């Protein structure tokens, strides 16, 4: 009898505990659950971020590969590369017969201009003339202009979306048309369309003066390659954005000394392959640091001084592109 009574009392306690559990978690249990979730988030979030960046980097490489295929087709049809030229003002674009209007070569990202003759005029009475890689688009070698932009680009200057919002309802929203709303927000405003990659085709036959000229203590080619057959076999001719360390597409950050962390660039080479080149130690006789790296050396410091964000006067863009491209290895 005593045994049965105890048993009934035990059953009552079990039922009472079960009732209490149905009412919700205890504070201790809730804290344990929150701690587990926080731990899982700390593990998963960085991994998800890395996975997203890897996916963007893959898309970027695929874009560059498509551009390479288009350039090969364009070159086969025209026997020329999409025009780049050089920074020397005596070098004129094929569509420009006026020496005073030599094409502005300091901007490898320029695709269209409508603010300077002969590329257009301030009234936009005529369409902007395509420059450089825009020739692939107008010639229908590239069907979608999105391939000219890396999805990891950090500055709106180099994003596709910036160049497809018309300023007025009667202006087309197609890429390559002007004026666009984005351009009017710049200071000072301009009417350009830019791509999201750096196009700088090095001519391997230009190796010494007078076609190599000194710029800030180092030689730079006066002109770039006009034909596919003249392209350098060792250096790329199209890469991710190269302008400042802060605008590098693929990186995890920048430290206090303007040192880029975990950086790399997708690079297109003459044989058609695309390689993701990390910030590795390079061996180049022109570099003055004991162990120069791709994104931390005297060339970047001259062009992109730490803490200023402004390049010194007198340094042309090809100074940076040429010297960095020499250090990018297949």
C-alpha atoms as a PDB file:
ATOM      1  CA  UNK A   1       0.000   0.000   0.000  1.00  0.00           C
ATOM      2  CA  UNK A   2       2.801   2.370   0.893  1.00  0.00           C
ATOM      3  CA  UNK A   3       4.565   1.445  -2.360  1.00  0.00           C
ATOM      4  CA  UNK A   4       1.513   2.267  -4.457  1.00  0.00           C
ATOM      5  CA  UNK A   5       1.034   5.598  -2.683  1.00  0.00           C
ATOM      6  CA  UNK A   6       4.634   6.582  -3.362  1.00  0.00           C
ATOM      7  CA  UNK A   7       4.212   5.571  -6.938  1.00  0.00           C
ATOM      8  CA  UNK A   8       1.157   7.779  -7.321  1.00  0.00           C
ATOM      9  CA  UNK A   9       3.001  10.691  -5.743  1.00  0.00           C
ATOM     10  CA  UNK A  10       5.943  10.168  -8.170  1.00  0.00           C
ATOM     11  CA  UNK A  11       3.572  10.186 -11.092  1.00  0.00           C
ATOM     12  CA  UNK A  12       2.110  13.471  -9.902  1.00  0.00           C
ATOM     13  CA  UNK A  13       5.573  15.052  -9.724  1.00  0.00           C
ATOM     14  CA  UNK A  14       6.414  13.883 -13.233  1.00  0.00           C
ATOM     15  CA  UNK A  15       3.151  15.281 -14.560  1.00  0.00           C
ATOM     16  CA  UNK A  16       3.728  18.579 -12.768  1.00  0.00           C
ATOM     17  CA  UNK A  17       7.232  18.900 -14.283  1.00  0.00           C
ATOM     18  CA  UNK A  18       5.851  18.082 -17.702  1.00  0.00           C
ATOM     19  CA  UNK A  19       3.197  20.772 -17.311  1.00  0.00           C
ATOM     20  CA  UNK A  20       5.886  23.291 -16.380  1.00  0.00           C
ATOM     21  CA  UNK A  21       7.984  22.354 -19.413  1.00  0.00           C
ATOM     22  CA  UNK A  22       5.033  22.947 -21.701  1.00  0.00           C
ATOM     23  CA  UNK A  23       4.837  26.500 -20.410  1.00  0.00           C
ATOM     24  CA  UNK A  24       8.201  27.466 -22.084  1.00  0.00           C
ATOM     25  CA  UNK A  25      11.990  27.456 -21.743  1.00  0.00           C
ATOM     26  CA  UNK A  26      13.709  28.287 -18.535  1.00  0.00           C
ATOM     27  CA  UNK A  27      16.097  31.252 -18.556  1.00  0.00           C
ATOM     28  CA  UNK A  28      19.099  28.936 -18.509  1.00  0.00           C
ATOM     29  CA  UNK A  29      17.808  26.942 -21.461  1.00  0.00           C
ATOM     30  CA  UNK A  30      17.090  30.133 -23.416  1.00  0.00           C
ATOM     31  CA  UNK A  31      20.603  31.442 -22.784  1.00  0.00           C
ATOM     32  CA  UNK A  32      22.083  28.140 -23.930  1.00  0.00           C
ATOM     33  CA  UNK A  33      20.086  28.254 -27.181  1.00  0.00           C
ATOM     34  CA  UNK A  34      21.127  31.875 -27.823  1.00  0.00           C
ATOM     35  CA  UNK A  35      24.771  30.989 -27.189  1.00  0.00           C
ATOM     36  CA  UNK A  36      24.604  28.091 -29.642  1.00  0.00           C
ATOM     37  CA  UNK A  37      22.997  30.291 -32.317  1.00  0.00           C
ATOM     38  CA  UNK A  38      25.622  33.001 -31.784  1.00  0.00           C
ATOM     39  CA  UNK A  39      28.393  30.433 -32.080  1.00  0.00           C
ATOM     40  CA  UNK A  40      26.941  29.032 -35.299  1.00  0.00           C
ATOM     41  CA  UNK A  41      26.541  32.534 -36.754  1.00  0.00           C
ATOM     42  CA  UNK A  42      30.166  33.407 -35.949  1.00  0.00           C
ATOM     43  CA  UNK A  43      31.228  30.279 -37.812  1.00  0.00           C
ATOM     44  CA  UNK A  44      28.868  30.520 -40.786  1.00  0.00           C
ATOM     45  CA  UNK A  45      28.739  34.244 -41.595  1.00  0.00           C
ATOM     46  CA  UNK A  46      32.436  34.580 -42.607  1.00  0.00           C
ATOM     47  CA  UNK A  47      32.115  31.399 -44.633  1.00  0.00           C
ATOM     48  CA  UNK A  48      29.029  32.714 -46.413  1.00  0.00           C
ATOM     49  CA  UNK A  49      30.830  35.997 -47.141  1.00  0.00           C
ATOM     50  CA  UNK A  50      33.776  34.119 -48.617  1.00  0.00           C
ATOM     51  CA  UNK A  51      31.430  31.951 -50.674  1.00  0.00           C
ATOM     52  CA  UNK A  52      29.682  35.045 -52.089  1.00  0.00           C
ATOM     53  CA  UNK A  53      32.994  36.670 -52.994  1.00  0.00           C
ATOM     54  CA  UNK A  54      34.225  33.439 -54.600  1.00  0.00           C
ATOM     55  CA  UNK A  55      31.039  33.305 -56.673  1.00  0.00           C
ATOM     56  CA  UNK A  56      31.501  36.931 -57.787  1.00  0.00           C
ATOM     57  CA  UNK A  57      35.146  36.282 -58.590  1.00  0.00           C
ATOM     58  CA  UNK A  58      34.105  33.318 -60.735  1.00  0.00           C
ATOM     59  CA  UNK A  59      31.539  35.420 -62.615  1.00  0.00           C
ATOM     60  CA  UNK A  60      34.194  38.109 -63.067  1.00  0.00           C
ATOM     61  CA  UNK A  61      36.623  35.591 -64.577  1.00  0.00           C
ATOM     62  CA  UNK A  62      33.899  34.334 -66.905  1.00  0.00           C
ATOM     63  CA  UNK A  63      33.161  37.911 -68.018  1.00  0.00           C
ATOM     64  CA  UNK A  64      36.819  38.558 -68.788  1.00  0.00           C
ATOM     65  CA  UNK A  65      36.991  35.280 -70.704  1.00  0.00           C
ATOM     66  CA  UNK A  66      34.023  36.379 -72.858  1.00  0.00           C
ATOM     67  CA  UNK A  67      35.688  39.716 -73.571  1.00  0.00           C
ATOM     68  CA  UNK A  68      38.840  37.832 -74.618  1.00  0.00           C
ATOM     69  CA  UNK A  69      36.891  35.678 -77.065  1.00  0.00           C
ATOM     70  CA  UNK A  70      35.230  38.809 -78.488  1.00  0.00           C
ATOM     71  CA  UNK A  71      38.605  40.552 -78.910  1.00  0.00           C
ATOM     72  CA  UNK A  72      39.992  37.549 -80.814  1.00  0.00           C
ATOM     73  CA  UNK A  73      36.966  37.610 -83.159  1.00  0.00           C
ATOM     74  CA  UNK A  74      37.206  41.388 -83.592  1.00  0.00           C
ATOM     75  CA  UNK A  75      40.929  41.146 -84.354  1.00  0.00           C
ATOM     76  CA  UNK A  76      40.356  38.355 -86.868  1.00  0.00           C
ATOM     77  CA  UNK A  77      37.846  40.532 -88.746  1.00  0.00           C
ATOM     78  CA  UNK A  78      39.673  43.876 -88.582  1.00  0.00           C
ATOM     79  CA  UNK A  79      43.324  42.837 -88.148  1.00  0.00           C
ATOM     80  CA  UNK A  80      43.377  45.323 -85.238  1.00  0.00           C
ATOM     81  CA  UNK A  81      42.796  45.390 -81.511  1.00  0.00           C
ATOM     82  CA  UNK A  82      40.042  47.665 -80.197  1.00  0.00           C
ATOM     83  CA  UNK A  83      41.837  51.001 -80.385  1.00  0.00           C
ATOM     84  CA  UNK A  84      43.763  52.174 -77.353  1.00  0.00           C
ATOM     85  CA  UNK A  85      46.729  54.103 -78.667  1.00  0.00           C
ATOM     86  CA  UNK A  86      49.056  55.823 -76.235  1.00  0.00           C
ATOM     87  CA  UNK A  87      49.255  58.907 -74.088  1.00  0.00           C
ATOM     88  CA  UNK A  88      51.245  60.860 -76.650  1.00  0.00           C
ATOM     89  CA  UNK A  89      48.980  63.633 -78.082  1.00  0.00           C
ATOM     90  CA  UNK A  90      50.328  63.098 -81.595  1.00  0.00           C
ATOM     91  CA  UNK A  91      48.629  59.684 -81.720  1.00  0.00           C
ATOM     92  CA  UNK A  92      45.162  60.108 -83.179  1.00  0.00           C
ATOM     93  CA  UNK A  93      42.170  57.826 -83.181  1.00  0.00           C
ATOM     94  CA  UNK A  94      41.171  56.361 -86.571  1.00  0.00           C
ATOM     95  CA  UNK A  95      38.021  58.484 -86.634  1.00  0.00           C
ATOM     96  CA  UNK A  96      39.821  61.716 -85.759  1.00  0.00           C
ATOM     97  CA  UNK A  97      41.653  63.618 -88.481  1.00  0.00           C
ATOM     98  CA  UNK A  98      42.302  66.734 -86.391  1.00  0.00           C
ATOM     99  CA  UNK A  99      45.666  66.731 -84.579  1.00  0.00           C
ATOM    100  CA  UNK A 100      44.308  69.041 -81.867  1.00  0.00           C
ATOM    101  CA  UNK A 101      41.657  66.471 -80.975  1.00  0.00           C
ATOM    102  CA  UNK A 102      43.825  63.470 -80.205  1.00  0.00           C
ATOM    103  CA  UNK A 103      42.007  60.800 -78.240  1.00  0.00           C
ATOM    104  CA  UNK A 104      42.366  61.046 -74.472  1.00  0.00           C
ATOM    105  CA  UNK A 105      44.375  57.946 -73.585  1.00  0.00           C
ATOM    106  CA  UNK A 106      44.662  58.376 -69.828  1.00  0.00           C
ATOM    107  CA  UNK A 107      41.442  56.476 -69.218  1.00  0.00           C
ATOM    108  CA  UNK A 108      41.507  52.791 -70.188  1.00  0.00           C
ATOM    109  CA  UNK A 109      37.990  52.450 -68.783  1.00  0.00           C
ATOM    110  CA  UNK A 110      36.452  54.995 -71.178  1.00  0.00           C
ATOM    111  CA  UNK A 111      33.865  53.413 -73.484  1.00  0.00           C
ATOM    112  CA  UNK A 112      31.993  56.477 -74.763  1.00  0.00           C
ATOM    113  CA  UNK A 113      32.470  60.235 -74.454  1.00  0.00           C
ATOM    114  CA  UNK A 114      30.005  62.946 -75.391  1.00  0.00           C
ATOM    115  CA  UNK A 115      31.657  66.003 -73.856  1.00  0.00           C
ATOM    116  CA  UNK A 116      34.485  66.619 -76.302  1.00  0.00           C
ATOM    117  CA  UNK A 117      34.805  66.710 -80.064  1.00  0.00           C
ATOM    118  CA  UNK A 118      34.959  64.501 -82.049  1.00  0.00           C
ATOM    119  CA  UNK A 119      33.118  62.157 -79.676  1.00  0.00           C
ATOM    120  CA  UNK A 120      30.039  64.349 -79.282  1.00  0.00           C
ATOM    121  CA  UNK A 121      29.024  67.806 -78.212  1.00  0.00           C
ATOM    122  CA  UNK A 122      27.385  69.421 -75.137  1.00  0.00           C
ATOM    123  CA  UNK A 123      23.968  69.422 -76.799  1.00  0.00           C
ATOM    124  CA  UNK A 124      24.138  65.648 -77.453  1.00  0.00           C
ATOM    125  CA  UNK A 125      23.015  66.354 -81.012  1.00  0.00           C
ATOM    126  CA  UNK A 126      24.924  63.292 -82.165  1.00  0.00           C
ATOM    127  CA  UNK A 127      25.641  59.945 -80.584  1.00  0.00           C
ATOM    128  CA  UNK A 128      28.851  59.474 -78.615  1.00  0.00           C
ATOM    129  CA  UNK A 129      31.544  57.630 -80.533  1.00  0.00           C
ATOM    130  CA  UNK A 130      32.570  54.244 -79.058  1.00  0.00           C
ATOM    131  CA  UNK A 131      36.086  54.040 -77.666  1.00  0.00           C
ATOM    132  CA  UNK A 132      38.265  51.041 -76.917  1.00  0.00           C
ATOM    133  CA  UNK A 133      36.228  48.000 -75.813  1.00  0.00           C
ATOM    134  CA  UNK A 134      32.906  49.634 -76.708  1.00  0.00           C
ATOM    135  CA  UNK A 135      33.821  48.692 -80.292  1.00  0.00           C
ATOM    136  CA  UNK A 136      33.107  45.085 -79.314  1.00  0.00           C
ATOM    137  CA  UNK A 137      29.582  46.074 -78.279  1.00  0.00           C
ATOM    138  CA  UNK A 138      28.730  48.235 -81.282  1.00  0.00           C
ATOM    139  CA  UNK A 139      30.179  45.567 -83.580  1.00  0.00           C
ATOM    140  CA  UNK A 140      27.977  42.944 -81.854  1.00  0.00           C
ATOM    141  CA  UNK A 141      30.952  40.868 -80.720  1.00  0.00           C
ATOM    142  CA  UNK A 142      29.556  41.322 -77.197  1.00  0.00           C
ATOM    143  CA  UNK A 143      25.782  41.140 -76.858  1.00  0.00           C
ATOM    144  CA  UNK A 144      25.365  42.144 -73.213  1.00  0.00           C
ATOM    145  CA  UNK A 145      27.361  45.075 -71.828  1.00  0.00           C
ATOM    146  CA  UNK A 146      27.189  43.554 -68.341  1.00  0.00           C
ATOM    147  CA  UNK A 147      30.208  41.433 -69.241  1.00  0.00           C
ATOM    148  CA  UNK A 148      32.268  44.648 -69.092  1.00  0.00           C
ATOM    149  CA  UNK A 149      31.702  44.888 -65.327  1.00  0.00           C
ATOM    150  CA  UNK A 150      32.954  42.856 -62.370  1.00  0.00           C
ATOM    151  CA  UNK A 151      30.145  42.168 -59.855  1.00  0.00           C
ATOM    152  CA  UNK A 152      32.605  42.985 -57.044  1.00  0.00           C
ATOM    153  CA  UNK A 153      33.364  46.519 -58.273  1.00  0.00           C
ATOM    154  CA  UNK A 154      33.256  48.889 -55.302  1.00  0.00           C
ATOM    155  CA  UNK A 155      32.834  52.257 -56.986  1.00  0.00           C
ATOM    156  CA  UNK A 156      29.737  53.330 -58.903  1.00  0.00           C
ATOM    157  CA  UNK A 157      32.008  54.815 -61.583  1.00  0.00           C
ATOM    158  CA  UNK A 158      32.650  51.245 -62.744  1.00  0.00           C
ATOM    159  CA  UNK A 159      29.201  49.669 -62.310  1.00  0.00           C
ATOM    160  CA  UNK A 160      26.831  48.800 -65.139  1.00  0.00           C
ATOM    161  CA  UNK A 161      23.788  50.159 -63.288  1.00  0.00           C
ATOM    162  CA  UNK A 162      25.297  53.647 -63.281  1.00  0.00           C
ATOM    163  CA  UNK A 163      25.066  53.982 -67.048  1.00  0.00           C
ATOM    164  CA  UNK A 164      21.558  52.805 -67.892  1.00  0.00           C
ATOM    165  CA  UNK A 165      19.385  55.417 -66.112  1.00  0.00           C
ATOM    166  CA  UNK A 166      18.556  58.172 -68.630  1.00  0.00           C
ATOM    167  CA  UNK A 167      18.496  61.808 -67.582  1.00  0.00           C
ATOM    168  CA  UNK A 168      15.281  62.482 -69.487  1.00  0.00           C
ATOM    169  CA  UNK A 169      12.358  60.282 -70.637  1.00  0.00           C
ATOM    170  CA  UNK A 170      13.241  60.769 -74.295  1.00  0.00           C
ATOM    171  CA  UNK A 171      16.761  59.343 -73.808  1.00  0.00           C
ATOM    172  CA  UNK A 172      17.332  55.619 -74.275  1.00  0.00           C
ATOM    173  CA  UNK A 173      18.225  53.496 -71.238  1.00  0.00           C
ATOM    174  CA  UNK A 174      20.406  51.266 -73.399  1.00  0.00           C
ATOM    175  CA  UNK A 175      24.038  51.036 -72.364  1.00  0.00           C
ATOM    176  CA  UNK A 176      26.206  53.429 -74.348  1.00  0.00           C
ATOM    177  CA  UNK A 177      23.595  56.171 -74.652  1.00  0.00           C
ATOM    178  CA  UNK A 178      23.970  59.593 -73.064  1.00  0.00           C
ATOM    179  CA  UNK A 179      23.205  61.599 -71.040  1.00  0.00           C
ATOM    180  CA  UNK A 180      22.666  59.446 -67.947  1.00  0.00           C
ATOM    181  CA  UNK A 181      21.593  60.571 -64.466  1.00  0.00           C
ATOM    182  CA  UNK A 182      24.729  59.170 -62.836  1.00  0.00           C
ATOM    183  CA  UNK A 183      27.071  61.426 -64.811  1.00  0.00           C
ATOM    184  CA  UNK A 184      25.306  64.589 -63.642  1.00  0.00           C
ATOM    185  CA  UNK A 185      26.003  63.717 -59.991  1.00  0.00           C
ATOM    186  CA  UNK A 186      29.771  63.706 -60.499  1.00  0.00           C
ATOM    187  CA  UNK A 187      31.827  66.732 -59.512  1.00  0.00           C
ATOM    188  CA  UNK A 188      32.495  68.101 -62.011  1.00  0.00           C
ATOM    189  CA  UNK A 189      29.745  66.503 -64.150  1.00  0.00           C
ATOM    190  CA  UNK A 190      30.801  64.708 -67.326  1.00  0.00           C
ATOM    191  CA  UNK A 191      29.220  62.620 -70.020  1.00  0.00           C
ATOM    192  CA  UNK A 192      31.242  59.439 -70.115  1.00  0.00           C
ATOM    193  CA  UNK A 193      30.399  55.765 -70.101  1.00  0.00           C
ATOM    194  CA  UNK A 194      33.036  53.633 -68.399  1.00  0.00           C
ATOM    195  CA  UNK A 195      33.657  49.895 -68.248  1.00  0.00           C
ATOM    196  CA  UNK A 196      34.598  47.991 -65.093  1.00  0.00           C
ATOM    197  CA  UNK A 197      37.949  46.538 -66.166  1.00  0.00           C
ATOM    198  CA  UNK A 198      41.403  47.841 -67.053  1.00  0.00           C
ATOM    199  CA  UNK A 199      42.295  47.412 -70.729  1.00  0.00           C
ATOM    200  CA  UNK A 200      45.982  47.999 -71.425  1.00  0.00           C
ATOM    201  CA  UNK A 201      47.393  45.896 -74.311  1.00  0.00           C
ATOM    202  CA  UNK A 202      51.197  45.901 -74.002  1.00  0.00           C
ATOM    203  CA  UNK A 203      53.127  45.731 -77.281  1.00  0.00           C
ATOM    204  CA  UNK A 204      55.959  43.261 -76.758  1.00  0.00           C
ATOM    205  CA  UNK A 205      58.024  44.822 -79.571  1.00  0.00           C
ATOM    206  CA  UNK A 206      58.332  48.145 -77.708  1.00  0.00           C
ATOM    207  CA  UNK A 207      61.228  47.698 -75.313  1.00  0.00           C
ATOM    208  CA  UNK A 208      63.522  50.733 -75.558  1.00  0.00           C
ATOM    209  CA  UNK A 209      63.653  54.461 -76.469  1.00  0.00           C
ATOM    210  CA  UNK A 210      62.487  56.350 -78.443  1.00  0.00           C
ATOM    211  CA  UNK A 211      59.223  54.396 -78.110  1.00  0.00           C
ATOM    212  CA  UNK A 212      59.835  54.038 -74.369  1.00  0.00           C
ATOM    213  CA  UNK A 213      59.745  57.355 -72.523  1.00  0.00           C
ATOM    214  CA  UNK A 214      60.621  58.175 -68.887  1.00  0.00           C
ATOM    215  CA  UNK A 215      57.746  58.874 -66.525  1.00  0.00           C
ATOM    216  CA  UNK A 216      58.536  59.471 -62.863  1.00  0.00           C
ATOM    217  CA  UNK A 217      61.858  57.687 -63.110  1.00  0.00           C
ATOM    218  CA  UNK A 218      60.721  54.622 -65.029  1.00  0.00           C
ATOM    219  CA  UNK A 219      60.237  53.916 -68.735  1.00  0.00           C
ATOM    220  CA  UNK A 220      56.721  53.606 -70.117  1.00  0.00           C
ATOM    221  CA  UNK A 221      55.696  52.684 -73.690  1.00  0.00           C
ATOM    222  CA  UNK A 222      54.606  55.597 -75.832  1.00  0.00           C
ATOM    223  CA  UNK A 223      51.965  53.451 -77.516  1.00  0.00           C
ATOM    224  CA  UNK A 224      50.103  50.220 -76.839  1.00  0.00           C
ATOM    225  CA  UNK A 225      49.630  47.245 -79.157  1.00  0.00           C
ATOM    226  CA  UNK A 226      47.531  47.841 -82.263  1.00  0.00           C
ATOM    227  CA  UNK A 227      47.413  44.204 -83.393  1.00  0.00           C
ATOM    228  CA  UNK A 228      46.699  40.970 -81.551  1.00  0.00           C
ATOM    229  CA  UNK A 229      49.905  39.437 -82.902  1.00  0.00           C
ATOM    230  CA  UNK A 230      51.949  42.133 -81.102  1.00  0.00           C
ATOM    231  CA  UNK A 231      50.488  41.483 -77.649  1.00  0.00           C
ATOM    232  CA  UNK A 232      52.876  40.508 -74.880  1.00  0.00           C
ATOM    233  CA  UNK A 233      52.855  36.776 -74.219  1.00  0.00           C
ATOM    234  CA  UNK A 234      53.899  37.183 -70.585  1.00  0.00           C
ATOM    235  CA  UNK A 235      51.754  40.083 -69.367  1.00  0.00           C
ATOM    236  CA  UNK A 236      47.949  40.401 -69.315  1.00  0.00           C
ATOM    237  CA  UNK A 237      46.087  42.891 -71.453  1.00  0.00           C
ATOM    238  CA  UNK A 238      42.834  43.036 -69.455  1.00  0.00           C
ATOM    239  CA  UNK A 239      42.379  42.830 -65.676  1.00  0.00           C
ATOM    240  CA  UNK A 240      40.145  43.871 -62.820  1.00  0.00           C
ATOM    241  CA  UNK A 241      40.140  47.565 -61.973  1.00  0.00           C
ATOM    242  CA  UNK A 242      43.611  48.977 -61.344  1.00  0.00           C
ATOM    243  CA  UNK A 243      43.301  52.547 -60.139  1.00  0.00           C
ATOM    244  CA  UNK A 244      43.763  52.722 -56.379  1.00  0.00           C
ATOM    245  CA  UNK A 245      44.224  50.112 -53.692  1.00  0.00           C
ATOM    246  CA  UNK A 246      40.890  51.105 -52.198  1.00  0.00           C
ATOM    247  CA  UNK A 247      39.087  50.288 -55.449  1.00  0.00           C
ATOM    248  CA  UNK A 248      40.542  46.832 -55.973  1.00  0.00           C
ATOM    249  CA  UNK A 249      37.592  44.518 -56.522  1.00  0.00           C
ATOM    250  CA  UNK A 250      38.833  41.411 -54.777  1.00  0.00           C
ATOM    251  CA  UNK A 251      40.251  42.096 -51.323  1.00  0.00           C
ATOM    252  CA  UNK A 252      39.311  41.750 -47.665  1.00  0.00           C
ATOM    253  CA  UNK A 253      40.394  45.206 -46.537  1.00  0.00           C
ATOM    254  CA  UNK A 254      43.180  47.758 -46.125  1.00  0.00           C
ATOM    255  CA  UNK A 255      45.306  48.308 -43.032  1.00  0.00           C
ATOM    256  CA  UNK A 256      46.572  51.563 -41.552  1.00  0.00           C
ATOM    257  CA  UNK A 257      49.564  51.692 -43.886  1.00  0.00           C
ATOM    258  CA  UNK A 258      47.327  51.451 -46.952  1.00  0.00           C
ATOM    259  CA  UNK A 259      48.422  47.838 -47.292  1.00  0.00           C
ATOM    260  CA  UNK A 260      45.842  45.790 -49.185  1.00  0.00           C
ATOM    261  CA  UNK A 261      44.865  42.552 -47.483  1.00  0.00           C
ATOM    262  CA  UNK A 262      44.076  39.309 -49.315  1.00  0.00           C
ATOM    263  CA  UNK A 263      44.003  40.967 -52.722  1.00  0.00           C
ATOM    264  CA  UNK A 264      44.053  39.511 -56.218  1.00  0.00           C
ATOM    265  CA  UNK A 265      43.011  40.302 -59.776  1.00  0.00           C
ATOM    266  CA  UNK A 266      41.532  38.281 -62.614  1.00  0.00           C
ATOM    267  CA  UNK A 267      43.867  38.653 -65.590  1.00  0.00           C
ATOM    268  CA  UNK A 268      43.424  37.861 -69.307  1.00  0.00           C
ATOM    269  CA  UNK A 269      46.452  36.685 -71.275  1.00  0.00           C
ATOM    270  CA  UNK A 270      47.201  36.461 -74.981  1.00  0.00           C
ATOM    271  CA  UNK A 271      46.690  32.710 -75.185  1.00  0.00           C
ATOM    272  CA  UNK A 272      43.106  33.227 -73.999  1.00  0.00           C
ATOM    273  CA  UNK A 273      43.337  31.906 -70.459  1.00  0.00           C
ATOM    274  CA  UNK A 274      42.201  33.861 -67.409  1.00  0.00           C
ATOM    275  CA  UNK A 275      44.182  33.562 -64.202  1.00  0.00           C
ATOM    276  CA  UNK A 276      43.367  34.881 -60.737  1.00  0.00           C
ATOM    277  CA  UNK A 277      46.663  36.383 -59.559  1.00  0.00           C
ATOM    278  CA  UNK A 278      47.049  36.870 -55.811  1.00  0.00           C
ATOM    279  CA  UNK A 279      49.112  39.482 -54.014  1.00  0.00           C
ATOM    280  CA  UNK A 280      52.306  37.514 -54.214  1.00  0.00           C
ATOM    281  CA  UNK A 281      55.935  38.477 -53.888  1.00  0.00           C
ATOM    282  CA  UNK A 282      57.273  39.258 -57.330  1.00  0.00           C
ATOM    283  CA  UNK A 283      60.711  39.395 -58.850  1.00  0.00           C
ATOM    284  CA  UNK A 284      61.128  42.450 -61.035  1.00  0.00           C
ATOM    285  CA  UNK A 285      64.399  44.332 -61.497  1.00  0.00           C
ATOM    286  CA  UNK A 286      62.675  47.716 -61.656  1.00  0.00           C
ATOM    287  CA  UNK A 287      61.159  47.406 -58.182  1.00  0.00           C
ATOM    288  CA  UNK A 288      63.194  48.986 -55.404  1.00  0.00           C
ATOM    289  CA  UNK A 289      61.733  47.201 -52.375  1.00  0.00           C
ATOM    290  CA  UNK A 290      63.604  44.180 -51.064  1.00  0.00           C
ATOM    291  CA  UNK A 291      60.471  42.030 -51.365  1.00  0.00           C
ATOM    292  CA  UNK A 292      57.988  43.887 -53.573  1.00  0.00           C
ATOM    293  CA  UNK A 293      54.469  42.574 -53.875  1.00  0.00           C
ATOM    294  CA  UNK A 294      51.846  43.208 -56.498  1.00  0.00           C
ATOM    295  CA  UNK A 295      49.808  45.693 -54.479  1.00  0.00           C
ATOM    296  CA  UNK A 296      52.463  47.153 -52.186  1.00  0.00           C
ATOM    297  CA  UNK A 297      55.466  48.692 -53.880  1.00  0.00           C
ATOM    298  CA  UNK A 298      56.894  51.959 -55.119  1.00  0.00           C
ATOM    299  CA  UNK A 299      54.696  52.071 -58.215  1.00  0.00           C
ATOM    300  CA  UNK A 300      51.507  52.091 -56.165  1.00  0.00           C
ATOM    301  CA  UNK A 301      52.955  54.592 -53.697  1.00  0.00           C
ATOM    302  CA  UNK A 302      53.839  57.021 -56.490  1.00  0.00           C
ATOM    303  CA  UNK A 303      50.410  56.758 -58.072  1.00  0.00           C
ATOM    304  CA  UNK A 304      48.279  56.208 -54.960  1.00  0.00           C
ATOM    305  CA  UNK A 305      50.092  57.825 -51.981  1.00  0.00           C
ATOM    306  CA  UNK A 306      48.861  56.566 -48.579  1.00  0.00           C
ATOM    307  CA  UNK A 307      46.338  58.843 -46.924  1.00  0.00           C
ATOM    308  CA  UNK A 308      45.824  61.207 -49.871  1.00  0.00           C
ATOM    309  CA  UNK A 309      43.755  59.394 -52.474  1.00  0.00           C
ATOM    310  CA  UNK A 310      45.217  61.713 -55.095  1.00  0.00           C
ATOM    311  CA  UNK A 311      47.953  60.917 -57.579  1.00  0.00           C
ATOM    312  CA  UNK A 312      50.772  63.456 -57.969  1.00  0.00           C
ATOM    313  CA  UNK A 313      50.675  65.789 -60.937  1.00  0.00           C
ATOM    314  CA  UNK A 314      52.618  64.661 -63.991  1.00  0.00           C
ATOM    315  CA  UNK A 315      52.092  60.916 -63.562  1.00  0.00           C
ATOM    316  CA  UNK A 316      50.176  59.396 -66.452  1.00  0.00           C
ATOM    317  CA  UNK A 317      47.892  56.412 -65.995  1.00  0.00           C
ATOM    318  CA  UNK A 318      50.023  54.145 -68.166  1.00  0.00           C
ATOM    319  CA  UNK A 319      52.814  54.525 -65.590  1.00  0.00           C
ATOM    320  CA  UNK A 320      50.795  52.424 -63.154  1.00  0.00           C
ATOM    321  CA  UNK A 321      49.194  50.009 -65.617  1.00  0.00           C
ATOM    322  CA  UNK A 322      52.408  49.146 -67.435  1.00  0.00           C
ATOM    323  CA  UNK A 323      54.493  48.540 -64.313  1.00  0.00           C
ATOM    324  CA  UNK A 324      51.809  46.562 -62.514  1.00  0.00           C
ATOM    325  CA  UNK A 325      51.089  44.463 -65.618  1.00  0.00           C
ATOM    326  CA  UNK A 326      54.782  43.572 -65.829  1.00  0.00           C
ATOM    327  CA  UNK A 327      54.511  42.006 -62.378  1.00  0.00           C
ATOM    328  CA  UNK A 328      51.348  40.004 -63.077  1.00  0.00           C
ATOM    329  CA  UNK A 329      52.461  36.538 -64.060  1.00  0.00           C
ATOM    330  CA  UNK A 330      50.402  33.856 -65.840  1.00  0.00           C
END
